[in-house]
Amino acid sequence: MLYAVLCYNDESVTSAWSKEEDERVMRDLSAVQRKYREAGKLGPVARLVPTTAAATLRHSAGETIVIDGPFAETKEQLLGFYLIDCASLDEALDFARDLSNANPSTGSYEVRPLALYKPGELPS
């Protein structure tokens, strides 16, 4: 089963890392990714740019508006995500645990089963 692992953190903390700190964190996270990539279980990985570059399109009462920034107003922001192929939720949680151990900052990893959506194909 495919799982999405969503990475949340306070971007004011992660954006304050020096270039060297950021490179070290990315190197440590890459070591975690390598294990799953070599096992053929790691799908796309994305690191999102800061929320200052985000926009949210909202449709309500027949009107569509675009708002600067992310929709959610929370202390933690979605910083990126992984797609991994795991046999169970426990295996996906192990991956998130490994990421958490490699990350020196606080934050959270949301693990959610993924339902594939294939436009134009009817479910069987």
PDB file of N, CA and C in Angstrom:
ATOM      1  N   MET A   1       0.838  -1.176   0.000  1.00  0.00           N
ATOM      2  CA  MET A   1       0.000   0.000   0.000  1.00  0.00           C
ATOM      3  C   MET A   1       0.882   1.237   0.000  1.00  0.00           C
ATOM      4  N   LEU A   2       0.439   2.255  -0.696  1.00  0.00           N
ATOM      5  CA  LEU A   2       1.162   3.521  -0.711  1.00  0.00           C
ATOM      6  C   LEU A   2       0.743   4.371   0.480  1.00  0.00           C
ATOM      7  N   TYR A   3       1.730   5.073   1.045  1.00  0.00           N
ATOM      8  CA  TYR A   3       1.487   5.993   2.157  1.00  0.00           C
ATOM      9  C   TYR A   3       2.106   7.336   1.823  1.00  0.00           C
ATOM     10  N   ALA A   4       1.418   8.400   2.180  1.00  0.00           N
ATOM     11  CA  ALA A   4       1.986   9.742   2.114  1.00  0.00           C
ATOM     12  C   ALA A   4       2.510  10.074   3.506  1.00  0.00           C
ATOM     13  N   VAL A   5       3.725  10.565   3.586  1.00  0.00           N
ATOM     14  CA  VAL A   5       4.313  11.009   4.846  1.00  0.00           C
ATOM     15  C   VAL A   5       4.491  12.520   4.707  1.00  0.00           C
ATOM     16  N   LEU A   6       3.643  13.273   5.404  1.00  0.00           N
ATOM     17  CA  LEU A   6       3.639  14.728   5.314  1.00  0.00           C
ATOM     18  C   LEU A   6       4.499  15.297   6.441  1.00  0.00           C
ATOM     19  N   CYS A   7       5.404  16.182   6.109  1.00  0.00           N
ATOM     20  CA  CYS A   7       6.380  16.717   7.060  1.00  0.00           C
ATOM     21  C   CYS A   7       5.964  18.120   7.497  1.00  0.00           C
ATOM     22  N   TYR A   8       5.686  18.280   8.776  1.00  0.00           N
ATOM     23  CA  TYR A   8       5.284  19.575   9.333  1.00  0.00           C
ATOM     24  C   TYR A   8       6.340  20.073  10.300  1.00  0.00           C
ATOM     25  N   ASN A   9       6.549  21.374  10.304  1.00  0.00           N
ATOM     26  CA  ASN A   9       7.441  21.995  11.259  1.00  0.00           C
ATOM     27  C   ASN A   9       7.171  23.486  11.249  1.00  0.00           C
ATOM     28  N   ASP A  10       7.726  24.183  12.206  1.00  0.00           N
ATOM     29  CA  ASP A  10       7.636  25.638  12.257  1.00  0.00           C
ATOM     30  C   ASP A  10       8.685  26.175  11.295  1.00  0.00           C
ATOM     31  N   GLU A  11       8.251  26.707  10.155  1.00  0.00           N
ATOM     32  CA  GLU A  11       9.211  27.106   9.135  1.00  0.00           C
ATOM     33  C   GLU A  11      10.081  28.281   9.577  1.00  0.00           C
ATOM     34  N   SER A  12       9.678  29.013  10.601  1.00  0.00           N
ATOM     35  CA  SER A  12      10.565  30.080  11.086  1.00  0.00           C
ATOM     36  C   SER A  12      11.818  29.467  11.710  1.00  0.00           C
ATOM     37  N   VAL A  13      11.706  28.250  12.222  1.00  0.00           N
ATOM     38  CA  VAL A  13      12.863  27.541  12.779  1.00  0.00           C
ATOM     39  C   VAL A  13      13.727  26.981  11.652  1.00  0.00           C
ATOM     40  N   THR A  14      13.116  26.245  10.737  1.00  0.00           N
ATOM     41  CA  THR A  14      13.894  25.608   9.667  1.00  0.00           C
ATOM     42  C   THR A  14      14.465  26.631   8.692  1.00  0.00           C
ATOM     43  N   SER A  15      13.785  27.742   8.489  1.00  0.00           N
ATOM     44  CA  SER A  15      14.307  28.794   7.596  1.00  0.00           C
ATOM     45  C   SER A  15      15.487  29.528   8.222  1.00  0.00           C
ATOM     46  N   ALA A  16      15.609  29.443   9.532  1.00  0.00           N
ATOM     47  CA  ALA A  16      16.710  30.114  10.235  1.00  0.00           C
ATOM     48  C   ALA A  16      17.993  29.279  10.252  1.00  0.00           C
ATOM     49  N   TRP A  17      17.924  28.024   9.801  1.00  0.00           N
ATOM     50  CA  TRP A  17      19.123  27.199   9.762  1.00  0.00           C
ATOM     51  C   TRP A  17      20.149  27.836   8.834  1.00  0.00           C
ATOM     52  N   SER A  18      21.406  27.727   9.198  1.00  0.00           N
ATOM     53  CA  SER A  18      22.476  28.172   8.300  1.00  0.00           C
ATOM     54  C   SER A  18      22.534  27.214   7.106  1.00  0.00           C
ATOM     55  N   LYS A  19      23.244  27.616   6.074  1.00  0.00           N
ATOM     56  CA  LYS A  19      23.403  26.749   4.895  1.00  0.00           C
ATOM     57  C   LYS A  19      24.020  25.420   5.313  1.00  0.00           C
ATOM     58  N   GLU A  20      24.995  25.477   6.216  1.00  0.00           N
ATOM     59  CA  GLU A  20      25.664  24.256   6.677  1.00  0.00           C
ATOM     60  C   GLU A  20      24.705  23.364   7.469  1.00  0.00           C
ATOM     61  N   GLU A  21      23.894  23.970   8.347  1.00  0.00           N
ATOM     62  CA  GLU A  21      22.921  23.187   9.124  1.00  0.00           C
ATOM     63  C   GLU A  21      21.908  22.523   8.192  1.00  0.00           C
ATOM     64  N   ASP A  22      21.417  23.290   7.229  1.00  0.00           N
ATOM     65  CA  ASP A  22      20.423  22.760   6.290  1.00  0.00           C
ATOM     66  C   ASP A  22      21.017  21.609   5.478  1.00  0.00           C
ATOM     67  N   GLU A  23      22.242  21.757   5.007  1.00  0.00           N
ATOM     68  CA  GLU A  23      22.884  20.694   4.239  1.00  0.00           C
ATOM     69  C   GLU A  23      23.086  19.443   5.088  1.00  0.00           C
ATOM     70  N   ARG A  24      23.420  19.612   6.370  1.00  0.00           N
ATOM     71  CA  ARG A  24      23.597  18.463   7.267  1.00  0.00           C
ATOM     72  C   ARG A  24      22.270  17.732   7.464  1.00  0.00           C
ATOM     73  N   VAL A  25      21.199  18.487   7.683  1.00  0.00           N
ATOM     74  CA  VAL A  25      19.879  17.864   7.861  1.00  0.00           C
ATOM     75  C   VAL A  25      19.476  17.119   6.590  1.00  0.00           C
ATOM     76  N   MET A  26      19.672  17.738   5.430  1.00  0.00           N
ATOM     77  CA  MET A  26      19.316  17.084   4.165  1.00  0.00           C
ATOM     78  C   MET A  26      20.147  15.822   3.953  1.00  0.00           C
ATOM     79  N   ARG A  27      21.422  15.861   4.334  1.00  0.00           N
ATOM     80  CA  ARG A  27      22.294  14.682   4.219  1.00  0.00           C
ATOM     81  C   ARG A  27      21.797  13.563   5.140  1.00  0.00           C
ATOM     82  N   ASP A  28      21.420  13.915   6.388  1.00  0.00           N
ATOM     83  CA  ASP A  28      20.919  12.911   7.333  1.00  0.00           C
ATOM     84  C   ASP A  28      19.589  12.324   6.862  1.00  0.00           C
ATOM     85  N   LEU A  29      18.725  13.175   6.311  1.00  0.00           N
ATOM     86  CA  LEU A  29      17.449  12.669   5.791  1.00  0.00           C
ATOM     87  C   LEU A  29      17.681  11.790   4.560  1.00  0.00           C
ATOM     88  N   SER A  30      18.668  12.132   3.749  1.00  0.00           N
ATOM     89  CA  SER A  30      18.990  11.323   2.565  1.00  0.00           C
ATOM     90  C   SER A  30      19.435   9.920   2.956  1.00  0.00           C
ATOM     91  N   ALA A  31      20.113   9.803   4.094  1.00  0.00           N
ATOM     92  CA  ALA A  31      20.535   8.475   4.565  1.00  0.00           C
ATOM     93  C   ALA A  31      19.321   7.619   4.888  1.00  0.00           C
ATOM     94  N   VAL A  32      18.287   8.220   5.457  1.00  0.00           N
ATOM     95  CA  VAL A  32      17.041   7.490   5.737  1.00  0.00           C
ATOM     96  C   VAL A  32      16.382   7.107   4.413  1.00  0.00           C
ATOM     97  N   GLN A  33      16.327   8.048   3.484  1.00  0.00           N
ATOM     98  CA  GLN A  33      15.690   7.800   2.191  1.00  0.00           C
ATOM     99  C   GLN A  33      16.386   6.682   1.419  1.00  0.00           C
ATOM    100  N   ARG A  34      17.705   6.626   1.508  1.00  0.00           N
ATOM    101  CA  ARG A  34      18.490   5.645   0.753  1.00  0.00           C
ATOM    102  C   ARG A  34      18.005   4.219   1.027  1.00  0.00           C
ATOM    103  N   LYS A  35      17.785   3.903   2.287  1.00  0.00           N
ATOM    104  CA  LYS A  35      17.340   2.555   2.675  1.00  0.00           C
ATOM    105  C   LYS A  35      16.041   2.172   1.953  1.00  0.00           C
ATOM    106  N   TYR A  36      15.095   3.089   1.885  1.00  0.00           N
ATOM    107  CA  TYR A  36      13.803   2.811   1.249  1.00  0.00           C
ATOM    108  C   TYR A  36      13.911   2.866  -0.276  1.00  0.00           C
ATOM    109  N   ARG A  37      14.774   3.750  -0.796  1.00  0.00           N
ATOM    110  CA  ARG A  37      14.968   3.823  -2.251  1.00  0.00           C
ATOM    111  C   ARG A  37      15.596   2.529  -2.761  1.00  0.00           C
ATOM    112  N   GLU A  38      16.618   2.041  -2.048  1.00  0.00           N
ATOM    113  CA  GLU A  38      17.293   0.806  -2.461  1.00  0.00           C
ATOM    114  C   GLU A  38      16.373  -0.401  -2.373  1.00  0.00           C
ATOM    115  N   ALA A  39      15.373  -0.353  -1.489  1.00  0.00           N
ATOM    116  CA  ALA A  39      14.402  -1.441  -1.379  1.00  0.00           C
ATOM    117  C   ALA A  39      13.257  -1.271  -2.378  1.00  0.00           C
ATOM    118  N   GLY A  40      13.311  -0.204  -3.184  1.00  0.00           N
ATOM    119  CA  GLY A  40      12.263   0.042  -4.178  1.00  0.00           C
ATOM    120  C   GLY A  40      10.962   0.523  -3.570  1.00  0.00           C
ATOM    121  N   LYS A  41      11.011   1.107  -2.383  1.00  0.00           N
ATOM    122  CA  LYS A  41       9.803   1.523  -1.677  1.00  0.00           C
ATOM    123  C   LYS A  41       9.586   3.028  -1.665  1.00  0.00           C
ATOM    124  N   LEU A  42      10.577   3.810  -2.084  1.00  0.00           N
ATOM    125  CA  LEU A  42      10.478   5.261  -2.005  1.00  0.00           C
ATOM    126  C   LEU A  42      10.014   5.832  -3.328  1.00  0.00           C
ATOM    127  N   GLY A  43       8.942   6.594  -3.278  1.00  0.00           N
ATOM    128  CA  GLY A  43       8.427   7.285  -4.459  1.00  0.00           C
ATOM    129  C   GLY A  43       8.917   8.724  -4.459  1.00  0.00           C
ATOM    130  N   PRO A  44       8.138   9.618  -5.052  1.00  0.00           N
ATOM    131  CA  PRO A  44       8.545  11.020  -5.112  1.00  0.00           C
ATOM    132  C   PRO A  44       8.703  11.638  -3.721  1.00  0.00           C
ATOM    133  N   VAL A  45       9.670  12.529  -3.619  1.00  0.00           N
ATOM    134  CA  VAL A  45       9.922  13.299  -2.403  1.00  0.00           C
ATOM    135  C   VAL A  45       9.913  14.759  -2.823  1.00  0.00           C
ATOM    136  N   ALA A  46       9.254  15.615  -2.062  1.00  0.00           N
ATOM    137  CA  ALA A  46       9.221  17.035  -2.403  1.00  0.00           C
ATOM    138  C   ALA A  46       9.486  17.875  -1.163  1.00  0.00           C
ATOM    139  N   ARG A  47      10.312  18.884  -1.337  1.00  0.00           N
ATOM    140  CA  ARG A  47      10.530  19.882  -0.299  1.00  0.00           C
ATOM    141  C   ARG A  47       9.883  21.162  -0.806  1.00  0.00           C
ATOM    142  N   LEU A  48       8.941  21.668  -0.054  1.00  0.00           N
ATOM    143  CA  LEU A  48       8.210  22.858  -0.477  1.00  0.00           C
ATOM    144  C   LEU A  48       8.978  24.121  -0.113  1.00  0.00           C
ATOM    145  N   VAL A  49       8.838  25.154  -0.941  1.00  0.00           N
ATOM    146  CA  VAL A  49       9.438  26.445  -0.621  1.00  0.00           C
ATOM    147  C   VAL A  49       8.614  27.082   0.498  1.00  0.00           C
ATOM    148  N   PRO A  50       9.126  28.099   1.167  1.00  0.00           N
ATOM    149  CA  PRO A  50       8.393  28.694   2.291  1.00  0.00           C
ATOM    150  C   PRO A  50       6.987  29.166   1.918  1.00  0.00           C
ATOM    151  N   THR A  51       6.142  29.234   2.921  1.00  0.00           N
ATOM    152  CA  THR A  51       4.735  29.595   2.716  1.00  0.00           C
ATOM    153  C   THR A  51       4.558  31.011   2.192  1.00  0.00           C
ATOM    154  N   THR A  52       5.586  31.844   2.295  1.00  0.00           N
ATOM    155  CA  THR A  52       5.485  33.199   1.752  1.00  0.00           C
ATOM    156  C   THR A  52       5.293  33.181   0.238  1.00  0.00           C
ATOM    157  N   ALA A  53       5.635  32.055  -0.398  1.00  0.00           N
ATOM    158  CA  ALA A  53       5.457  31.924  -1.847  1.00  0.00           C
ATOM    159  C   ALA A  53       4.137  31.245  -2.198  1.00  0.00           C
ATOM    160  N   ALA A  54       3.360  30.866  -1.192  1.00  0.00           N
ATOM    161  CA  ALA A  54       2.128  30.105  -1.422  1.00  0.00           C
ATOM    162  C   ALA A  54       0.940  31.018  -1.718  1.00  0.00           C
ATOM    163  N   ALA A  55      -0.041  30.436  -2.354  1.00  0.00           N
ATOM    164  CA  ALA A  55      -1.330  31.087  -2.574  1.00  0.00           C
ATOM    165  C   ALA A  55      -2.396  30.022  -2.393  1.00  0.00           C
ATOM    166  N   THR A  56      -3.552  30.433  -1.919  1.00  0.00           N
ATOM    167  CA  THR A  56      -4.674  29.519  -1.738  1.00  0.00           C
ATOM    168  C   THR A  56      -5.850  30.024  -2.562  1.00  0.00           C
ATOM    169  N   LEU A  57      -6.420  29.144  -3.367  1.00  0.00           N
ATOM    170  CA  LEU A  57      -7.624  29.477  -4.121  1.00  0.00           C
ATOM    171  C   LEU A  57      -8.799  28.954  -3.323  1.00  0.00           C
ATOM    172  N   ARG A  58      -9.741  29.812  -3.024  1.00  0.00           N
ATOM    173  CA  ARG A  58     -10.907  29.421  -2.222  1.00  0.00           C
ATOM    174  C   ARG A  58     -12.172  29.738  -3.000  1.00  0.00           C
ATOM    175  N   HIS A  59     -13.052  28.763  -3.050  1.00  0.00           N
ATOM    176  CA  HIS A  59     -14.333  28.919  -3.742  1.00  0.00           C
ATOM    177  C   HIS A  59     -15.441  28.815  -2.708  1.00  0.00           C
ATOM    178  N   SER A  60     -16.255  29.848  -2.644  1.00  0.00           N
ATOM    179  CA  SER A  60     -17.342  29.867  -1.671  1.00  0.00           C
ATOM    180  C   SER A  60     -18.474  30.727  -2.205  1.00  0.00           C
ATOM    181  N   ALA A  61     -19.680  30.238  -2.062  1.00  0.00           N
ATOM    182  CA  ALA A  61     -20.881  30.984  -2.453  1.00  0.00           C
ATOM    183  C   ALA A  61     -20.796  31.531  -3.876  1.00  0.00           C
ATOM    184  N   GLY A  62     -20.296  30.697  -4.795  1.00  0.00           N
ATOM    185  CA  GLY A  62     -20.247  31.094  -6.193  1.00  0.00           C
ATOM    186  C   GLY A  62     -19.129  32.062  -6.537  1.00  0.00           C
ATOM    187  N   GLU A  63     -18.287  32.377  -5.592  1.00  0.00           N
ATOM    188  CA  GLU A  63     -17.189  33.311  -5.829  1.00  0.00           C
ATOM    189  C   GLU A  63     -15.861  32.602  -5.594  1.00  0.00           C
ATOM    190  N   THR A  64     -14.891  32.895  -6.438  1.00  0.00           N
ATOM    191  CA  THR A  64     -13.560  32.328  -6.280  1.00  0.00           C
ATOM    192  C   THR A  64     -12.594  33.461  -5.963  1.00  0.00           C
ATOM    193  N   ILE A  65     -11.820  33.278  -4.899  1.00  0.00           N
ATOM    194  CA  ILE A  65     -10.824  34.281  -4.538  1.00  0.00           C
ATOM    195  C   ILE A  65      -9.476  33.591  -4.326  1.00  0.00           C
ATOM    196  N   VAL A  66      -8.414  34.340  -4.530  1.00  0.00           N
ATOM    197  CA  VAL A  66      -7.066  33.846  -4.287  1.00  0.00           C
ATOM    198  C   VAL A  66      -6.496  34.629  -3.112  1.00  0.00           C
ATOM    199  N   ILE A  67      -5.969  33.888  -2.143  1.00  0.00           N
ATOM    200  CA  ILE A  67      -5.428  34.479  -0.923  1.00  0.00           C
ATOM    201  C   ILE A  67      -3.929  34.226  -0.906  1.00  0.00           C
ATOM    202  N   ASP A  68      -3.151  35.230  -0.544  1.00  0.00           N
ATOM    203  CA  ASP A  68      -1.712  35.029  -0.384  1.00  0.00           C
ATOM    204  C   ASP A  68      -1.472  34.106   0.799  1.00  0.00           C
ATOM    205  N   GLY A  69      -0.502  33.223   0.650  1.00  0.00           N
ATOM    206  CA  GLY A  69      -0.101  32.356   1.751  1.00  0.00           C
ATOM    207  C   GLY A  69      -0.920  31.087   1.838  1.00  0.00           C
ATOM    208  N   PRO A  70      -0.525  30.252   2.793  1.00  0.00           N
ATOM    209  CA  PRO A  70      -1.224  28.974   2.973  1.00  0.00           C
ATOM    210  C   PRO A  70      -2.582  29.197   3.623  1.00  0.00           C
ATOM    211  N   PHE A  71      -3.471  28.255   3.422  1.00  0.00           N
ATOM    212  CA  PHE A  71      -4.813  28.360   3.985  1.00  0.00           C
ATOM    213  C   PHE A  71      -4.799  28.196   5.494  1.00  0.00           C
ATOM    214  N   ALA A  72      -4.098  27.205   5.985  1.00  0.00           N
ATOM    215  CA  ALA A  72      -4.119  26.908   7.412  1.00  0.00           C
ATOM    216  C   ALA A  72      -3.300  27.937   8.184  1.00  0.00           C
ATOM    217  N   GLU A  73      -3.835  28.354   9.297  1.00  0.00           N
ATOM    218  CA  GLU A  73      -3.097  29.255  10.180  1.00  0.00           C
ATOM    219  C   GLU A  73      -2.704  28.445  11.401  1.00  0.00           C
ATOM    220  N   THR A  74      -1.532  27.864  11.332  1.00  0.00           N
ATOM    221  CA  THR A  74      -1.047  27.019  12.413  1.00  0.00           C
ATOM    222  C   THR A  74       0.393  27.370  12.710  1.00  0.00           C
ATOM    223  N   LYS A  75       0.878  26.882  13.824  1.00  0.00           N
ATOM    224  CA  LYS A  75       2.283  27.115  14.184  1.00  0.00           C
ATOM    225  C   LYS A  75       3.206  26.341  13.256  1.00  0.00           C
ATOM    226  N   GLU A  76       2.791  25.136  12.851  1.00  0.00           N
ATOM    227  CA  GLU A  76       3.594  24.310  11.959  1.00  0.00           C
ATOM    228  C   GLU A  76       3.050  24.394  10.540  1.00  0.00           C
ATOM    229  N   GLN A  77       3.960  24.378   9.580  1.00  0.00           N
ATOM    230  CA  GLN A  77       3.561  24.417   8.180  1.00  0.00           C
ATOM    231  C   GLN A  77       3.979  23.120   7.496  1.00  0.00           C
ATOM    232  N   LEU A  78       3.259  22.780   6.436  1.00  0.00           N
ATOM    233  CA  LEU A  78       3.629  21.621   5.622  1.00  0.00           C
ATOM    234  C   LEU A  78       4.880  21.992   4.841  1.00  0.00           C
ATOM    235  N   LEU A  79       5.977  21.293   5.114  1.00  0.00           N
ATOM    236  CA  LEU A  79       7.263  21.610   4.487  1.00  0.00           C
ATOM    237  C   LEU A  79       7.583  20.715   3.299  1.00  0.00           C
ATOM    238  N   GLY A  80       6.983  19.540   3.247  1.00  0.00           N
ATOM    239  CA  GLY A  80       7.271  18.621   2.157  1.00  0.00           C
ATOM    240  C   GLY A  80       6.592  17.297   2.402  1.00  0.00           C
ATOM    241  N   PHE A  81       6.837  16.348   1.513  1.00  0.00           N
ATOM    242  CA  PHE A  81       6.207  15.039   1.675  1.00  0.00           C
ATOM    243  C   PHE A  81       7.009  13.958   0.980  1.00  0.00           C
ATOM    244  N   TYR A  82       6.735  12.730   1.379  1.00  0.00           N
ATOM    245  CA  TYR A  82       7.304  11.524   0.778  1.00  0.00           C
ATOM    246  C   TYR A  82       6.141  10.640   0.351  1.00  0.00           C
ATOM    247  N   LEU A  83       6.336   9.865  -0.683  1.00  0.00           N
ATOM    248  CA  LEU A  83       5.420   8.785  -1.021  1.00  0.00           C
ATOM    249  C   LEU A  83       6.227   7.497  -0.903  1.00  0.00           C
ATOM    250  N   ILE A  84       5.741   6.574  -0.082  1.00  0.00           N
ATOM    251  CA  ILE A  84       6.461   5.316   0.122  1.00  0.00           C
ATOM    252  C   ILE A  84       5.498   4.150  -0.012  1.00  0.00           C
ATOM    253  N   ASP A  85       6.032   3.027  -0.459  1.00  0.00           N
ATOM    254  CA  ASP A  85       5.264   1.804  -0.636  1.00  0.00           C
ATOM    255  C   ASP A  85       5.625   0.873   0.512  1.00  0.00           C
ATOM    256  N   CYS A  86       4.699   0.669   1.424  1.00  0.00           N
ATOM    257  CA  CYS A  86       4.950  -0.154   2.611  1.00  0.00           C
ATOM    258  C   CYS A  86       3.891  -1.240   2.733  1.00  0.00           C
ATOM    259  N   ALA A  87       4.280  -2.323   3.368  1.00  0.00           N
ATOM    260  CA  ALA A  87       3.367  -3.447   3.564  1.00  0.00           C
ATOM    261  C   ALA A  87       2.326  -3.147   4.632  1.00  0.00           C
ATOM    262  N   SER A  88       2.634  -2.189   5.526  1.00  0.00           N
ATOM    263  CA  SER A  88       1.712  -1.920   6.632  1.00  0.00           C
ATOM    264  C   SER A  88       1.912  -0.498   7.147  1.00  0.00           C
ATOM    265  N   LEU A  89       0.949  -0.052   7.928  1.00  0.00           N
ATOM    266  CA  LEU A  89       1.072   1.244   8.586  1.00  0.00           C
ATOM    267  C   LEU A  89       2.277   1.255   9.515  1.00  0.00           C
ATOM    268  N   ASP A  90       2.533   0.134  10.190  1.00  0.00           N
ATOM    269  CA  ASP A  90       3.688   0.067  11.085  1.00  0.00           C
ATOM    270  C   ASP A  90       4.998   0.331  10.348  1.00  0.00           C
ATOM    271  N   GLU A  91       5.138  -0.217   9.143  1.00  0.00           N
ATOM    272  CA  GLU A  91       6.357   0.015   8.372  1.00  0.00           C
ATOM    273  C   GLU A  91       6.464   1.486   7.970  1.00  0.00           C
ATOM    274  N   ALA A  92       5.348   2.090   7.586  1.00  0.00           N
ATOM    275  CA  ALA A  92       5.352   3.510   7.225  1.00  0.00           C
ATOM    276  C   ALA A  92       5.686   4.371   8.445  1.00  0.00           C
ATOM    277  N   LEU A  93       5.194   3.978   9.616  1.00  0.00           N
ATOM    278  CA  LEU A  93       5.522   4.708  10.846  1.00  0.00           C
ATOM    279  C   LEU A  93       6.997   4.561  11.198  1.00  0.00           C
ATOM    280  N   ASP A  94       7.586   3.406  10.914  1.00  0.00           N
ATOM    281  CA  ASP A  94       9.022   3.217  11.137  1.00  0.00           C
ATOM    282  C   ASP A  94       9.823   4.201  10.278  1.00  0.00           C
ATOM    283  N   PHE A  95       9.402   4.382   9.024  1.00  0.00           N
ATOM    284  CA  PHE A  95      10.052   5.334   8.130  1.00  0.00           C
ATOM    285  C   PHE A  95       9.953   6.745   8.715  1.00  0.00           C
ATOM    286  N   ALA A  96       8.762   7.135   9.155  1.00  0.00           N
ATOM    287  CA  ALA A  96       8.575   8.463   9.742  1.00  0.00           C
ATOM    288  C   ALA A  96       9.411   8.622  11.012  1.00  0.00           C
ATOM    289  N   ARG A  97       9.518   7.555  11.803  1.00  0.00           N
ATOM    290  CA  ARG A  97      10.353   7.582  13.012  1.00  0.00           C
ATOM    291  C   ARG A  97      11.818   7.829  12.654  1.00  0.00           C
ATOM    292  N   ASP A  98      12.281   7.145  11.607  1.00  0.00           N
ATOM    293  CA  ASP A  98      13.659   7.335  11.155  1.00  0.00           C
ATOM    294  C   ASP A  98      13.887   8.776  10.696  1.00  0.00           C
ATOM    295  N   LEU A  99      12.924   9.345   9.967  1.00  0.00           N
ATOM    296  CA  LEU A  99      13.036  10.741   9.546  1.00  0.00           C
ATOM    297  C   LEU A  99      13.102  11.656  10.765  1.00  0.00           C
ATOM    298  N   SER A 100      12.242  11.391  11.729  1.00  0.00           N
ATOM    299  CA  SER A 100      12.188  12.204  12.941  1.00  0.00           C
ATOM    300  C   SER A 100      13.513  12.155  13.694  1.00  0.00           C
ATOM    301  N   ASN A 101      14.117  10.976  13.754  1.00  0.00           N
ATOM    302  CA  ASN A 101      15.402  10.831  14.434  1.00  0.00           C
ATOM    303  C   ASN A 101      16.516  11.566  13.694  1.00  0.00           C
ATOM    304  N   ALA A 102      16.401  11.678  12.378  1.00  0.00           N
ATOM    305  CA  ALA A 102      17.423  12.362  11.574  1.00  0.00           C
ATOM    306  C   ALA A 102      17.245  13.879  11.595  1.00  0.00           C
ATOM    307  N   ASN A 103      16.093  14.349  12.021  1.00  0.00           N
ATOM    308  CA  ASN A 103      15.767  15.769  12.013  1.00  0.00           C
ATOM    309  C   ASN A 103      16.016  16.359  13.396  1.00  0.00           C
ATOM    310  N   PRO A 104      16.918  17.341  13.534  1.00  0.00           N
ATOM    311  CA  PRO A 104      17.240  17.880  14.850  1.00  0.00           C
ATOM    312  C   PRO A 104      16.174  18.811  15.416  1.00  0.00           C
ATOM    313  N   SER A 105      15.193  19.170  14.629  1.00  0.00           N
ATOM    314  CA  SER A 105      14.173  20.113  15.062  1.00  0.00           C
ATOM    315  C   SER A 105      12.932  19.375  15.555  1.00  0.00           C
ATOM    316  N   THR A 106      12.043  20.108  16.182  1.00  0.00           N
ATOM    317  CA  THR A 106      10.747  19.535  16.539  1.00  0.00           C
ATOM    318  C   THR A 106       9.889  19.534  15.286  1.00  0.00           C
ATOM    319  N   GLY A 107       8.712  19.005  15.370  1.00  0.00           N
ATOM    320  CA  GLY A 107       7.822  18.947  14.220  1.00  0.00           C
ATOM    321  C   GLY A 107       7.069  17.642  14.241  1.00  0.00           C
ATOM    322  N   SER A 108       6.345  17.377  13.187  1.00  0.00           N
ATOM    323  CA  SER A 108       5.567  16.145  13.151  1.00  0.00           C
ATOM    324  C   SER A 108       5.536  15.595  11.739  1.00  0.00           C
ATOM    325  N   TYR A 109       5.268  14.310  11.673  1.00  0.00           N
ATOM    326  CA  TYR A 109       5.138  13.589  10.406  1.00  0.00           C
ATOM    327  C   TYR A 109       3.779  12.915  10.408  1.00  0.00           C
ATOM    328  N   GLU A 110       2.924  13.327   9.510  1.00  0.00           N
ATOM    329  CA  GLU A 110       1.605  12.719   9.372  1.00  0.00           C
ATOM    330  C   GLU A 110       1.718  11.598   8.356  1.00  0.00           C
ATOM    331  N   VAL A 111       1.278  10.404   8.742  1.00  0.00           N
ATOM    332  CA  VAL A 111       1.333   9.242   7.863  1.00  0.00           C
ATOM    333  C   VAL A 111      -0.096   8.900   7.480  1.00  0.00           C
ATOM    334  N   ARG A 112      -0.357   8.877   6.187  1.00  0.00           N
ATOM    335  CA  ARG A 112      -1.723   8.663   5.725  1.00  0.00           C
ATOM    336  C   ARG A 112      -1.734   7.720   4.534  1.00  0.00           C
ATOM    337  N   PRO A 113      -2.560   6.653   4.583  1.00  0.00           N
ATOM    338  CA  PRO A 113      -2.690   5.778   3.411  1.00  0.00           C
ATOM    339  C   PRO A 113      -3.151   6.597   2.206  1.00  0.00           C
ATOM    340  N   LEU A 114      -2.692   6.204   1.059  1.00  0.00           N
ATOM    341  CA  LEU A 114      -2.965   6.939  -0.160  1.00  0.00           C
ATOM    342  C   LEU A 114      -3.875   6.119  -1.066  1.00  0.00           C
ATOM    343  N   ALA A 115      -4.939   6.723  -1.532  1.00  0.00           N
ATOM    344  CA  ALA A 115      -5.817   6.095  -2.513  1.00  0.00           C
ATOM    345  C   ALA A 115      -5.453   6.686  -3.870  1.00  0.00           C
ATOM    346  N   LEU A 116      -5.064   5.842  -4.796  1.00  0.00           N
ATOM    347  CA  LEU A 116      -4.686   6.337  -6.119  1.00  0.00           C
ATOM    348  C   LEU A 116      -5.905   6.834  -6.863  1.00  0.00           C
ATOM    349  N   TYR A 117      -5.730   7.954  -7.502  1.00  0.00           N
ATOM    350  CA  TYR A 117      -6.777   8.528  -8.338  1.00  0.00           C
ATOM    351  C   TYR A 117      -6.241   8.583  -9.748  1.00  0.00           C
ATOM    352  N   LYS A 118      -6.912   7.882 -10.639  1.00  0.00           N
ATOM    353  CA  LYS A 118      -6.473   7.840 -12.037  1.00  0.00           C
ATOM    354  C   LYS A 118      -7.584   8.426 -12.890  1.00  0.00           C
ATOM    355  N   PRO A 119      -7.470   9.694 -13.239  1.00  0.00           N
ATOM    356  CA  PRO A 119      -8.516  10.325 -14.055  1.00  0.00           C
ATOM    357  C   PRO A 119      -8.806   9.529 -15.321  1.00  0.00           C
ATOM    358  N   GLY A 120     -10.079   9.406 -15.619  1.00  0.00           N
ATOM    359  CA  GLY A 120     -10.493   8.695 -16.821  1.00  0.00           C
ATOM    360  C   GLY A 120     -10.682   7.214 -16.631  1.00  0.00           C
ATOM    361  N   GLU A 121     -10.270   6.683 -15.496  1.00  0.00           N
ATOM    362  CA  GLU A 121     -10.448   5.255 -15.227  1.00  0.00           C
ATOM    363  C   GLU A 121     -11.543   5.070 -14.191  1.00  0.00           C
ATOM    364  N   LEU A 122     -12.435   4.194 -14.482  1.00  0.00           N
ATOM    365  CA  LEU A 122     -13.507   3.886 -13.524  1.00  0.00           C
ATOM    366  C   LEU A 122     -13.019   2.833 -12.548  1.00  0.00           C
ATOM    367  N   PRO A 123     -13.418   2.956 -11.267  1.00  0.00           N
ATOM    368  CA  PRO A 123     -13.016   1.946 -10.296  1.00  0.00           C
ATOM    369  C   PRO A 123     -13.617   0.586 -10.670  1.00  0.00           C
ATOM    370  N   SER A 124     -12.871  -0.466 -10.422  1.00  0.00           N
ATOM    371  CA  SER A 124     -13.376  -1.805 -10.771  1.00  0.00           C
ATOM    372  C   SER A 124     -14.132  -2.415  -9.616  1.00  0.00           C
TER     373      SER A 124
END
